[in-house]
């Protein structure tokens, strides 16, 4: 089950579970659409994988399976793919 992390790893922007602005890789690294497209060029700086729109969990399902509250913030690693954190 997806964690639905609460913020962008690059800029720490809030990304609530219903956000259409969240992008993730296959490891669930999470970024806002602005960082994903303009800073990272659609590639995860951690694994090099593709960043795609994060699915949104229906509100009634969030009650049973809530989104994560654990933030991951690694701005040093957000210079783009191949950057050293």
PDB file of N, CA and C in Angstrom:
ATOM      1  N   UNK A   1       0.837  -1.174   0.000  1.00  0.00           N
ATOM      2  CA  UNK A   1       0.000   0.000   0.000  1.00  0.00           C
ATOM      3  C   UNK A   1       0.888   1.245   0.000  1.00  0.00           C
ATOM      4  N   UNK A   2       0.554   2.215  -0.811  1.00  0.00           N
ATOM      5  CA  UNK A   2       1.325   3.449  -0.881  1.00  0.00           C
ATOM      6  C   UNK A   2       1.277   4.201   0.444  1.00  0.00           C
ATOM      7  N   UNK A   3       2.413   4.779   0.818  1.00  0.00           N
ATOM      8  CA  UNK A   3       2.491   5.557   2.053  1.00  0.00           C
ATOM      9  C   UNK A   3       1.765   6.892   1.942  1.00  0.00           C
ATOM     10  N   UNK A   4       1.726   7.468   0.757  1.00  0.00           N
ATOM     11  CA  UNK A   4       1.189   8.815   0.543  1.00  0.00           C
ATOM     12  C   UNK A   4       1.909   9.805   1.462  1.00  0.00           C
ATOM     13  N   UNK A   5       3.199   9.953   1.216  1.00  0.00           N
ATOM     14  CA  UNK A   5       4.028  10.841   2.040  1.00  0.00           C
ATOM     15  C   UNK A   5       3.525  12.276   1.967  1.00  0.00           C
ATOM     16  N   UNK A   6       3.704  13.027   3.061  1.00  0.00           N
ATOM     17  CA  UNK A   6       3.055  14.333   3.189  1.00  0.00           C
ATOM     18  C   UNK A   6       3.737  15.544   2.576  1.00  0.00           C
ATOM     19  N   UNK A   7       4.939  15.375   1.998  1.00  0.00           N
ATOM     20  CA  UNK A   7       5.597  16.561   1.468  1.00  0.00           C
ATOM     21  C   UNK A   7       6.644  16.249   0.424  1.00  0.00           C
ATOM     22  N   UNK A   8       7.049  17.293  -0.280  1.00  0.00           N
ATOM     23  CA  UNK A   8       8.072  17.200  -1.323  1.00  0.00           C
ATOM     24  C   UNK A   8       9.450  17.051  -0.681  1.00  0.00           C
ATOM     25  N   UNK A   9      10.218  16.092  -1.155  1.00  0.00           N
ATOM     26  CA  UNK A   9      11.564  15.872  -0.638  1.00  0.00           C
ATOM     27  C   UNK A   9      12.509  17.025  -0.958  1.00  0.00           C
ATOM     28  N   UNK A  10      12.224  17.781  -2.010  1.00  0.00           N
ATOM     29  CA  UNK A  10      13.110  18.884  -2.410  1.00  0.00           C
ATOM     30  C   UNK A  10      12.801  20.191  -1.694  1.00  0.00           C
ATOM     31  N   UNK A  11      11.557  20.622  -1.742  1.00  0.00           N
ATOM     32  CA  UNK A  11      11.206  21.955  -1.224  1.00  0.00           C
ATOM     33  C   UNK A  11      10.344  21.914   0.035  1.00  0.00           C
ATOM     34  N   UNK A  12       9.963  20.720   0.471  1.00  0.00           N
ATOM     35  CA  UNK A  12       9.156  20.497   1.677  1.00  0.00           C
ATOM     36  C   UNK A  12       7.726  21.037   1.559  1.00  0.00           C
ATOM     37  N   UNK A  13       7.279  21.280   0.346  1.00  0.00           N
ATOM     38  CA  UNK A  13       5.894  21.725   0.121  1.00  0.00           C
ATOM     39  C   UNK A  13       4.928  20.642   0.591  1.00  0.00           C
ATOM     40  N   UNK A  14       3.857  21.037   1.245  1.00  0.00           N
ATOM     41  CA  UNK A  14       2.837  20.094   1.687  1.00  0.00           C
ATOM     42  C   UNK A  14       2.163  19.434   0.493  1.00  0.00           C
ATOM     43  N   UNK A  15       1.991  18.122   0.583  1.00  0.00           N
ATOM     44  CA  UNK A  15       1.303  17.341  -0.454  1.00  0.00           C
ATOM     45  C   UNK A  15       0.307  16.419   0.234  1.00  0.00           C
ATOM     46  N   UNK A  16      -0.875  16.952   0.555  1.00  0.00           N
ATOM     47  CA  UNK A  16      -1.879  16.125   1.223  1.00  0.00           C
ATOM     48  C   UNK A  16      -2.296  14.955   0.338  1.00  0.00           C
ATOM     49  N   UNK A  17      -2.913  13.933   0.932  1.00  0.00           N
ATOM     50  CA  UNK A  17      -3.243  12.721   0.179  1.00  0.00           C
ATOM     51  C   UNK A  17      -4.090  12.959  -1.068  1.00  0.00           C
ATOM     52  N   UNK A  18      -4.888  14.009  -1.078  1.00  0.00           N
ATOM     53  CA  UNK A  18      -5.764  14.288  -2.219  1.00  0.00           C
ATOM     54  C   UNK A  18      -5.100  15.181  -3.285  1.00  0.00           C
ATOM     55  N   UNK A  19      -3.842  15.548  -3.068  1.00  0.00           N
ATOM     56  CA  UNK A  19      -3.169  16.469  -3.973  1.00  0.00           C
ATOM     57  C   UNK A  19      -2.954  15.874  -5.365  1.00  0.00           C
ATOM     58  N   UNK A  20      -3.247  16.673  -6.367  1.00  0.00           N
ATOM     59  CA  UNK A  20      -2.963  16.301  -7.752  1.00  0.00           C
ATOM     60  C   UNK A  20      -1.559  16.756  -8.144  1.00  0.00           C
ATOM     61  N   UNK A  21      -0.860  17.420  -7.227  1.00  0.00           N
ATOM     62  CA  UNK A  21       0.465  17.978  -7.488  1.00  0.00           C
ATOM     63  C   UNK A  21       1.601  17.041  -7.089  1.00  0.00           C
ATOM     64  N   UNK A  22       1.303  15.879  -6.517  1.00  0.00           N
ATOM     65  CA  UNK A  22       2.337  14.953  -6.044  1.00  0.00           C
ATOM     66  C   UNK A  22       2.824  14.052  -7.175  1.00  0.00           C
ATOM     67  N   UNK A  23       4.136  13.822  -7.200  1.00  0.00           N
ATOM     68  CA  UNK A  23       4.759  12.905  -8.143  1.00  0.00           C
ATOM     69  C   UNK A  23       5.595  11.915  -7.342  1.00  0.00           C
ATOM     70  N   UNK A  24       5.614  10.647  -7.772  1.00  0.00           N
ATOM     71  CA  UNK A  24       6.373   9.619  -7.074  1.00  0.00           C
ATOM     72  C   UNK A  24       7.137   8.744  -8.060  1.00  0.00           C
ATOM     73  N   UNK A  25       8.178   8.074  -7.540  1.00  0.00           N
ATOM     74  CA  UNK A  25       8.882   7.053  -8.310  1.00  0.00           C
ATOM     75  C   UNK A  25       8.401   5.698  -7.801  1.00  0.00           C
ATOM     76  N   UNK A  26       8.955   4.625  -8.316  1.00  0.00           N
ATOM     77  CA  UNK A  26       8.511   3.294  -7.908  1.00  0.00           C
ATOM     78  C   UNK A  26       8.892   2.962  -6.463  1.00  0.00           C
ATOM     79  N   UNK A  27       9.784   3.751  -5.859  1.00  0.00           N
ATOM     80  CA  UNK A  27      10.150   3.562  -4.451  1.00  0.00           C
ATOM     81  C   UNK A  27       9.360   4.497  -3.531  1.00  0.00           C
ATOM     82  N   UNK A  28       8.443   5.255  -4.096  1.00  0.00           N
ATOM     83  CA  UNK A  28       7.584   6.192  -3.382  1.00  0.00           C
ATOM     84  C   UNK A  28       8.281   7.469  -2.934  1.00  0.00           C
ATOM     85  N   UNK A  29       9.473   7.754  -3.468  1.00  0.00           N
ATOM     86  CA  UNK A  29      10.067   9.062  -3.221  1.00  0.00           C
ATOM     87  C   UNK A  29       9.046  10.059  -3.744  1.00  0.00           C
ATOM     88  N   UNK A  30       8.824  11.122  -3.028  1.00  0.00           N
ATOM     89  CA  UNK A  30       7.708  12.019  -3.324  1.00  0.00           C
ATOM     90  C   UNK A  30       8.183  13.447  -3.560  1.00  0.00           C
ATOM     91  N   UNK A  31       7.671  14.052  -4.625  1.00  0.00           N
ATOM     92  CA  UNK A  31       8.048  15.408  -5.007  1.00  0.00           C
ATOM     93  C   UNK A  31       6.821  16.170  -5.504  1.00  0.00           C
ATOM     94  N   UNK A  32       6.862  17.491  -5.391  1.00  0.00           N
ATOM     95  CA  UNK A  32       5.785  18.298  -5.967  1.00  0.00           C
ATOM     96  C   UNK A  32       5.998  18.363  -7.473  1.00  0.00           C
ATOM     97  N   UNK A  33       4.954  18.686  -8.211  1.00  0.00           N
ATOM     98  CA  UNK A  33       5.034  18.729  -9.664  1.00  0.00           C
ATOM     99  C   UNK A  33       6.058  19.761 -10.132  1.00  0.00           C
ATOM    100  N   UNK A  34       6.188  20.871  -9.425  1.00  0.00           N
ATOM    101  CA  UNK A  34       7.140  21.910  -9.828  1.00  0.00           C
ATOM    102  C   UNK A  34       8.568  21.391  -9.757  1.00  0.00           C
ATOM    103  N   UNK A  35       8.943  20.790  -8.619  1.00  0.00           N
ATOM    104  CA  UNK A  35      10.299  20.242  -8.494  1.00  0.00           C
ATOM    105  C   UNK A  35      10.507  19.086  -9.465  1.00  0.00           C
ATOM    106  N   UNK A  36       9.510  18.218  -9.593  1.00  0.00           N
ATOM    107  CA  UNK A  36       9.634  17.059 -10.479  1.00  0.00           C
ATOM    108  C   UNK A  36       9.897  17.478 -11.917  1.00  0.00           C
ATOM    109  N   UNK A  37       9.209  18.517 -12.374  1.00  0.00           N
ATOM    110  CA  UNK A  37       9.332  18.917 -13.777  1.00  0.00           C
ATOM    111  C   UNK A  37      10.461  19.908 -14.038  1.00  0.00           C
ATOM    112  N   UNK A  38      10.660  20.880 -13.149  1.00  0.00           N
ATOM    113  CA  UNK A  38      11.628  21.937 -13.449  1.00  0.00           C
ATOM    114  C   UNK A  38      13.015  21.678 -12.877  1.00  0.00           C
ATOM    115  N   UNK A  39      13.097  21.030 -11.732  1.00  0.00           N
ATOM    116  CA  UNK A  39      14.398  20.774 -11.117  1.00  0.00           C
ATOM    117  C   UNK A  39      14.921  19.394 -11.490  1.00  0.00           C
ATOM    118  N   UNK A  40      14.039  18.407 -11.468  1.00  0.00           N
ATOM    119  CA  UNK A  40      14.461  17.018 -11.637  1.00  0.00           C
ATOM    120  C   UNK A  40      14.230  16.447 -13.035  1.00  0.00           C
ATOM    121  N   UNK A  41      13.588  17.200 -13.894  1.00  0.00           N
ATOM    122  CA  UNK A  41      13.328  16.758 -15.273  1.00  0.00           C
ATOM    123  C   UNK A  41      12.672  15.383 -15.348  1.00  0.00           C
ATOM    124  N   UNK A  42      11.743  15.130 -14.411  1.00  0.00           N
ATOM    125  CA  UNK A  42      10.972  13.890 -14.451  1.00  0.00           C
ATOM    126  C   UNK A  42      11.680  12.650 -13.955  1.00  0.00           C
ATOM    127  N   UNK A  43      12.857  12.806 -13.328  1.00  0.00           N
ATOM    128  CA  UNK A  43      13.633  11.664 -12.829  1.00  0.00           C
ATOM    129  C   UNK A  43      13.893  11.804 -11.328  1.00  0.00           C
ATOM    130  N   UNK A  44      13.759  10.711 -10.618  1.00  0.00           N
ATOM    131  CA  UNK A  44      14.015  10.690  -9.178  1.00  0.00           C
ATOM    132  C   UNK A  44      15.512  10.866  -8.928  1.00  0.00           C
ATOM    133  N   UNK A  45      15.901  11.794  -8.049  1.00  0.00           N
ATOM    134  CA  UNK A  45      17.320  11.990  -7.768  1.00  0.00           C
ATOM    135  C   UNK A  45      17.913  10.851  -6.929  1.00  0.00           C
ATOM    136  N   UNK A  46      17.059  10.034  -6.332  1.00  0.00           N
ATOM    137  CA  UNK A  46      17.527   8.940  -5.485  1.00  0.00           C
ATOM    138  C   UNK A  46      17.811   7.671  -6.276  1.00  0.00           C
ATOM    139  N   UNK A  47      16.925   7.339  -7.227  1.00  0.00           N
ATOM    140  CA  UNK A  47      17.078   6.071  -7.953  1.00  0.00           C
ATOM    141  C   UNK A  47      17.169   6.247  -9.467  1.00  0.00           C
ATOM    142  N   UNK A  48      16.888   7.446  -9.965  1.00  0.00           N
ATOM    143  CA  UNK A  48      16.925   7.688 -11.402  1.00  0.00           C
ATOM    144  C   UNK A  48      15.657   7.262 -12.120  1.00  0.00           C
ATOM    145  N   UNK A  49      14.677   6.758 -11.344  1.00  0.00           N
ATOM    146  CA  UNK A  49      13.425   6.302 -11.938  1.00  0.00           C
ATOM    147  C   UNK A  49      12.516   7.435 -12.374  1.00  0.00           C
ATOM    148  N   UNK A  50      11.538   7.088 -13.159  1.00  0.00           N
ATOM    149  CA  UNK A  50      10.546   8.030 -13.680  1.00  0.00           C
ATOM    150  C   UNK A  50       9.643   8.537 -12.547  1.00  0.00           C
ATOM    151  N   UNK A  51       9.327   9.826 -12.577  1.00  0.00           N
ATOM    152  CA  UNK A  51       8.376  10.412 -11.631  1.00  0.00           C
ATOM    153  C   UNK A  51       7.023  10.526 -12.322  1.00  0.00           C
ATOM    154  N   UNK A  52       6.005   9.957 -11.696  1.00  0.00           N
ATOM    155  CA  UNK A  52       4.658   9.915 -12.263  1.00  0.00           C
ATOM    156  C   UNK A  52       3.659  10.474 -11.261  1.00  0.00           C
ATOM    157  N   UNK A  53       2.471  10.873 -11.717  1.00  0.00           N
ATOM    158  CA  UNK A  53       1.461  11.358 -10.773  1.00  0.00           C
ATOM    159  C   UNK A  53       1.142  10.300  -9.713  1.00  0.00           C
ATOM    160  N   UNK A  54       1.083  10.749  -8.456  1.00  0.00           N
ATOM    161  CA  UNK A  54       0.757   9.827  -7.370  1.00  0.00           C
ATOM    162  C   UNK A  54      -0.745   9.568  -7.364  1.00  0.00           C
ATOM    163  N   UNK A  55      -1.142   8.301  -7.271  1.00  0.00           N
ATOM    164  CA  UNK A  55      -2.579   7.997  -7.185  1.00  0.00           C
ATOM    165  C   UNK A  55      -3.179   8.610  -5.918  1.00  0.00           C
ATOM    166  N   UNK A  56      -4.446   8.933  -5.976  1.00  0.00           N
ATOM    167  CA  UNK A  56      -5.153   9.487  -4.822  1.00  0.00           C
ATOM    168  C   UNK A  56      -6.071   8.421  -4.233  1.00  0.00           C
ATOM    169  N   UNK A  57      -5.967   8.235  -2.938  1.00  0.00           N
ATOM    170  CA  UNK A  57      -6.799   7.256  -2.246  1.00  0.00           C
ATOM    171  C   UNK A  57      -8.150   7.886  -1.929  1.00  0.00           C
ATOM    172  N   UNK A  58      -9.249   7.190  -2.206  1.00  0.00           N
ATOM    173  CA  UNK A  58     -10.571   7.733  -1.890  1.00  0.00           C
ATOM    174  C   UNK A  58     -10.684   8.079  -0.399  1.00  0.00           C
ATOM    175  N   UNK A  59     -11.392   9.143  -0.107  1.00  0.00           N
ATOM    176  CA  UNK A  59     -11.517   9.647   1.270  1.00  0.00           C
ATOM    177  C   UNK A  59     -11.998   8.578   2.243  1.00  0.00           C
ATOM    178  N   UNK A  60     -12.955   7.763   1.838  1.00  0.00           N
ATOM    179  CA  UNK A  60     -13.458   6.737   2.758  1.00  0.00           C
ATOM    180  C   UNK A  60     -12.389   5.685   3.068  1.00  0.00           C
ATOM    181  N   UNK A  61     -11.460   5.465   2.143  1.00  0.00           N
ATOM    182  CA  UNK A  61     -10.383   4.497   2.364  1.00  0.00           C
ATOM    183  C   UNK A  61      -9.260   5.087   3.224  1.00  0.00           C
ATOM    184  N   UNK A  62      -9.123   6.414   3.192  1.00  0.00           N
ATOM    185  CA  UNK A  62      -8.118   7.064   4.033  1.00  0.00           C
ATOM    186  C   UNK A  62      -8.431   6.874   5.513  1.00  0.00           C
ATOM    187  N   UNK A  63      -9.700   6.706   5.841  1.00  0.00           N
ATOM    188  CA  UNK A  63     -10.072   6.476   7.237  1.00  0.00           C
ATOM    189  C   UNK A  63      -9.484   5.159   7.738  1.00  0.00           C
ATOM    190  N   UNK A  64      -9.523   4.135   6.921  1.00  0.00           N
ATOM    191  CA  UNK A  64      -9.009   2.832   7.304  1.00  0.00           C
ATOM    192  C   UNK A  64      -7.489   2.727   7.084  1.00  0.00           C
ATOM    193  N   UNK A  65      -7.005   3.363   6.036  1.00  0.00           N
ATOM    194  CA  UNK A  65      -5.585   3.315   5.683  1.00  0.00           C
ATOM    195  C   UNK A  65      -5.082   4.752   5.496  1.00  0.00           C
ATOM    196  N   UNK A  66      -4.787   5.454   6.599  1.00  0.00           N
ATOM    197  CA  UNK A  66      -4.390   6.865   6.503  1.00  0.00           C
ATOM    198  C   UNK A  66      -3.031   7.064   5.831  1.00  0.00           C
ATOM    199  N   UNK A  67      -2.850   8.259   5.336  1.00  0.00           N
ATOM    200  CA  UNK A  67      -1.585   8.641   4.713  1.00  0.00           C
ATOM    201  C   UNK A  67      -0.495   8.738   5.778  1.00  0.00           C
ATOM    202  N   UNK A  68       0.736   8.628   5.348  1.00  0.00           N
ATOM    203  CA  UNK A  68       1.875   8.759   6.250  1.00  0.00           C
ATOM    204  C   UNK A  68       1.980  10.190   6.769  1.00  0.00           C
ATOM    205  N   UNK A  69       2.531  10.337   7.955  1.00  0.00           N
ATOM    206  CA  UNK A  69       2.811  11.668   8.512  1.00  0.00           C
ATOM    207  C   UNK A  69       4.316  11.898   8.607  1.00  0.00           C
ATOM    208  N   UNK A  70       5.093  10.929   8.153  1.00  0.00           N
ATOM    209  CA  UNK A  70       6.553  11.026   8.205  1.00  0.00           C
ATOM    210  C   UNK A  70       7.067  11.795   7.000  1.00  0.00           C
ATOM    211  N   UNK A  71       7.724  12.925   7.272  1.00  0.00           N
ATOM    212  CA  UNK A  71       8.266  13.758   6.199  1.00  0.00           C
ATOM    213  C   UNK A  71       9.686  13.324   5.857  1.00  0.00           C
ATOM    214  N   UNK A  72      10.004  13.364   4.566  1.00  0.00           N
ATOM    215  CA  UNK A  72      11.360  13.136   4.072  1.00  0.00           C
ATOM    216  C   UNK A  72      11.752  14.434   3.376  1.00  0.00           C
ATOM    217  N   UNK A  73      12.832  15.060   3.851  1.00  0.00           N
ATOM    218  CA  UNK A  73      13.267  16.332   3.284  1.00  0.00           C
ATOM    219  C   UNK A  73      14.770  16.239   3.040  1.00  0.00           C
ATOM    220  N   UNK A  74      15.161  16.198   1.760  1.00  0.00           N
ATOM    221  CA  UNK A  74      16.562  16.048   1.374  1.00  0.00           C
ATOM    222  C   UNK A  74      16.916  17.058   0.281  1.00  0.00           C
ATOM    223  N   UNK A  75      16.891  18.344   0.601  1.00  0.00           N
ATOM    224  CA  UNK A  75      17.130  19.349  -0.442  1.00  0.00           C
ATOM    225  C   UNK A  75      18.500  19.253  -1.096  1.00  0.00           C
ATOM    226  N   UNK A  76      19.492  18.740  -0.413  1.00  0.00           N
ATOM    227  CA  UNK A  76      20.829  18.630  -1.001  1.00  0.00           C
ATOM    228  C   UNK A  76      20.859  17.646  -2.158  1.00  0.00           C
ATOM    229  N   UNK A  77      19.940  16.682  -2.184  1.00  0.00           N
ATOM    230  CA  UNK A  77      19.907  15.698  -3.239  1.00  0.00           C
ATOM    231  C   UNK A  77      19.029  16.077  -4.414  1.00  0.00           C
ATOM    232  N   UNK A  78      18.569  17.302  -4.433  1.00  0.00           N
ATOM    233  CA  UNK A  78      17.591  17.700  -5.456  1.00  0.00           C
ATOM    234  C   UNK A  78      18.172  18.549  -6.566  1.00  0.00           C
ATOM    235  N   UNK A  79      19.409  18.352  -6.876  1.00  0.00           N
ATOM    236  CA  UNK A  79      20.007  19.082  -7.986  1.00  0.00           C
ATOM    237  C   UNK A  79      19.748  18.369  -9.295  1.00  0.00           C
ATOM    238  N   UNK A  80      19.091  17.202  -9.214  1.00  0.00           N
ATOM    239  CA  UNK A  80      18.777  16.434 -10.409  1.00  0.00           C
ATOM    240  C   UNK A  80      19.431  15.070 -10.364  1.00  0.00           C
ATOM    241  N   UNK A  81      19.052  14.190 -11.291  1.00  0.00           N
ATOM    242  CA  UNK A  81      19.621  12.840 -11.333  1.00  0.00           C
ATOM    243  C   UNK A  81      21.148  12.888 -11.385  1.00  0.00           C
ATOM    244  N   UNK A  82      21.753  12.024 -10.604  1.00  0.00           N
ATOM    245  CA  UNK A  82      23.210  11.961 -10.575  1.00  0.00           C
ATOM    246  C   UNK A  82      23.838  12.903  -9.570  1.00  0.00           C
ATOM    247  N   UNK A  83      23.034  13.749  -8.911  1.00  0.00           N
ATOM    248  CA  UNK A  83      23.574  14.662  -7.911  1.00  0.00           C
ATOM    249  C   UNK A  83      23.964  13.872  -6.672  1.00  0.00           C
ATOM    250  N   UNK A  84      24.977  14.346  -5.993  1.00  0.00           N
ATOM    251  CA  UNK A  84      25.369  13.687  -4.766  1.00  0.00           C
ATOM    252  C   UNK A  84      24.792  14.439  -3.584  1.00  0.00           C
ATOM    253  N   UNK A  85      23.988  13.740  -2.771  1.00  0.00           N
ATOM    254  CA  UNK A  85      23.379  14.397  -1.611  1.00  0.00           C
ATOM    255  C   UNK A  85      24.400  14.774  -0.568  1.00  0.00           C
TER     256      UNK A  85
END
